[in-house]
Amino acid sequence: MARRGIMSQNLKEEIARELGVYNVVSNEGWGSVTSRDCGNIVTKAIEIAERNVRK
């Protein structure tokens, strides 16, 4: 069974830019982003989602 991504590509890229890792993504792909940076991206996405739910 294939898993679908929940986060849109645009949101992931926007957060990567904000956290300063987009250059890695654009040059080497998502597989080259460190686990720590991926965790930071997920944490930021959760913060955004929680803000949107509270509105």
N, C-alpha and C. Protein backbone atom coordinates (compact mmCIF):
# COMPACT_ATOMS: atom_id res chain seq x y z
N MET A 1 0.84 -1.17 0.00
CA MET A 1 0.00 0.00 0.00
C MET A 1 0.89 1.25 0.00
N ALA A 2 0.64 2.17 -0.89
CA ALA A 2 1.42 3.40 -1.00
C ALA A 2 0.93 4.44 -0.01
N ARG A 3 1.88 5.13 0.59
CA ARG A 3 1.52 6.22 1.51
C ARG A 3 1.49 7.52 0.76
N ARG A 4 0.49 8.30 1.05
CA ARG A 4 0.39 9.64 0.46
C ARG A 4 0.92 10.66 1.43
N GLY A 5 1.63 11.62 0.93
CA GLY A 5 2.12 12.70 1.78
C GLY A 5 0.96 13.59 2.22
N ILE A 6 0.99 13.98 3.45
CA ILE A 6 -0.07 14.84 3.97
C ILE A 6 0.29 16.30 3.73
N MET A 7 1.56 16.63 3.84
CA MET A 7 2.02 17.99 3.65
C MET A 7 2.22 18.26 2.16
N SER A 8 1.75 19.39 1.70
CA SER A 8 1.94 19.72 0.29
C SER A 8 3.41 20.04 0.02
N GLN A 9 3.81 19.84 -1.19
CA GLN A 9 5.19 20.15 -1.60
C GLN A 9 5.48 21.62 -1.37
N ASN A 10 4.51 22.47 -1.68
CA ASN A 10 4.71 23.91 -1.50
C ASN A 10 4.95 24.27 -0.04
N LEU A 11 4.19 23.66 0.86
CA LEU A 11 4.36 23.93 2.29
C LEU A 11 5.73 23.46 2.76
N LYS A 12 6.13 22.27 2.34
CA LYS A 12 7.46 21.76 2.73
C LYS A 12 8.56 22.69 2.24
N GLU A 13 8.45 23.15 1.01
CA GLU A 13 9.47 24.04 0.46
C GLU A 13 9.48 25.39 1.17
N GLU A 14 8.30 25.91 1.49
CA GLU A 14 8.21 27.18 2.20
C GLU A 14 8.89 27.09 3.58
N ILE A 15 8.62 26.01 4.29
CA ILE A 15 9.22 25.82 5.61
C ILE A 15 10.72 25.60 5.47
N ALA A 16 11.15 24.85 4.47
CA ALA A 16 12.58 24.63 4.25
C ALA A 16 13.29 25.96 4.00
N ARG A 17 12.65 26.85 3.26
CA ARG A 17 13.24 28.18 3.02
C ARG A 17 13.36 28.93 4.34
N GLU A 18 12.29 28.90 5.11
CA GLU A 18 12.26 29.61 6.39
C GLU A 18 13.35 29.09 7.33
N LEU A 19 13.60 27.80 7.31
CA LEU A 19 14.60 27.20 8.21
C LEU A 19 16.00 27.18 7.62
N GLY A 20 16.14 27.64 6.38
CA GLY A 20 17.46 27.75 5.78
C GLY A 20 18.02 26.47 5.20
N VAL A 21 17.17 25.51 4.89
CA VAL A 21 17.66 24.25 4.31
C VAL A 21 17.20 24.04 2.87
N TYR A 22 16.55 25.04 2.30
CA TYR A 22 16.03 24.86 0.95
C TYR A 22 17.14 24.65 -0.07
N ASN A 23 18.30 25.27 0.16
CA ASN A 23 19.40 25.08 -0.80
C ASN A 23 19.82 23.61 -0.88
N VAL A 24 19.77 22.89 0.23
CA VAL A 24 20.08 21.46 0.23
C VAL A 24 19.01 20.72 -0.58
N VAL A 25 17.76 21.06 -0.34
CA VAL A 25 16.64 20.41 -1.05
C VAL A 25 16.77 20.65 -2.55
N SER A 26 17.00 21.89 -2.93
CA SER A 26 17.03 22.20 -4.37
C SER A 26 18.26 21.61 -5.06
N ASN A 27 19.39 21.53 -4.35
CA ASN A 27 20.61 21.02 -4.97
C ASN A 27 20.73 19.50 -4.91
N GLU A 28 20.29 18.91 -3.80
CA GLU A 28 20.55 17.48 -3.58
C GLU A 28 19.29 16.64 -3.37
N GLY A 29 18.16 17.28 -3.16
CA GLY A 29 16.91 16.54 -2.95
C GLY A 29 16.62 16.35 -1.47
N TRP A 30 15.40 15.91 -1.19
CA TRP A 30 14.95 15.74 0.20
C TRP A 30 15.74 14.67 0.94
N GLY A 31 16.28 13.71 0.23
CA GLY A 31 17.04 12.64 0.87
C GLY A 31 18.33 13.11 1.52
N SER A 32 18.78 14.29 1.16
CA SER A 32 20.02 14.83 1.73
C SER A 32 19.79 15.74 2.94
N VAL A 33 18.54 15.99 3.26
CA VAL A 33 18.22 16.83 4.42
C VAL A 33 18.44 15.98 5.67
N THR A 34 19.10 16.55 6.67
CA THR A 34 19.38 15.79 7.89
C THR A 34 18.09 15.43 8.64
N SER A 35 18.18 14.40 9.44
CA SER A 35 17.03 13.99 10.25
C SER A 35 16.60 15.12 11.17
N ARG A 36 17.56 15.82 11.74
CA ARG A 36 17.23 16.94 12.62
C ARG A 36 16.44 18.00 11.87
N ASP A 37 16.90 18.36 10.67
CA ASP A 37 16.19 19.37 9.88
C ASP A 37 14.81 18.89 9.47
N CYS A 38 14.68 17.61 9.12
CA CYS A 38 13.36 17.06 8.80
C CYS A 38 12.43 17.16 10.01
N GLY A 39 12.97 16.85 11.18
CA GLY A 39 12.18 16.98 12.41
C GLY A 39 11.76 18.41 12.64
N ASN A 40 12.65 19.36 12.37
CA ASN A 40 12.30 20.77 12.52
C ASN A 40 11.22 21.20 11.53
N ILE A 41 11.27 20.65 10.33
CA ILE A 41 10.25 20.95 9.32
C ILE A 41 8.89 20.43 9.79
N VAL A 42 8.87 19.21 10.30
CA VAL A 42 7.62 18.63 10.80
C VAL A 42 7.09 19.43 11.99
N THR A 43 7.98 19.80 12.91
CA THR A 43 7.57 20.58 14.07
C THR A 43 6.94 21.91 13.63
N LYS A 44 7.56 22.57 12.68
CA LYS A 44 7.04 23.84 12.16
C LYS A 44 5.69 23.63 11.48
N ALA A 45 5.54 22.55 10.73
CA ALA A 45 4.27 22.26 10.06
C ALA A 45 3.17 22.02 11.09
N ILE A 46 3.49 21.35 12.18
CA ILE A 46 2.50 21.11 13.24
C ILE A 46 2.11 22.43 13.88
N GLU A 47 3.07 23.31 14.13
CA GLU A 47 2.77 24.63 14.70
C GLU A 47 1.82 25.40 13.79
N ILE A 48 2.07 25.37 12.49
CA ILE A 48 1.22 26.06 11.53
C ILE A 48 -0.19 25.47 11.55
N ALA A 49 -0.28 24.14 11.57
CA ALA A 49 -1.58 23.47 11.58
C ALA A 49 -2.36 23.81 12.84
N GLU A 50 -1.67 23.82 13.98
CA GLU A 50 -2.34 24.14 15.24
C GLU A 50 -2.85 25.58 15.25
N ARG A 51 -2.07 26.48 14.70
CA ARG A 51 -2.52 27.90 14.60
C ARG A 51 -3.76 28.00 13.75
N ASN A 52 -3.79 27.26 12.63
CA ASN A 52 -4.94 27.32 11.73
C ASN A 52 -6.19 26.71 12.33
N VAL A 53 -6.04 25.70 13.19
CA VAL A 53 -7.19 25.07 13.82
C VAL A 53 -7.81 26.00 14.86
N ARG A 54 -6.98 26.76 15.53
CA ARG A 54 -7.45 27.65 16.59
C ARG A 54 -8.17 28.89 16.06
N LYS A 55 -8.03 29.20 14.80
CA LYS A 55 -8.66 30.39 14.21
C LYS A 55 -10.15 30.24 14.12
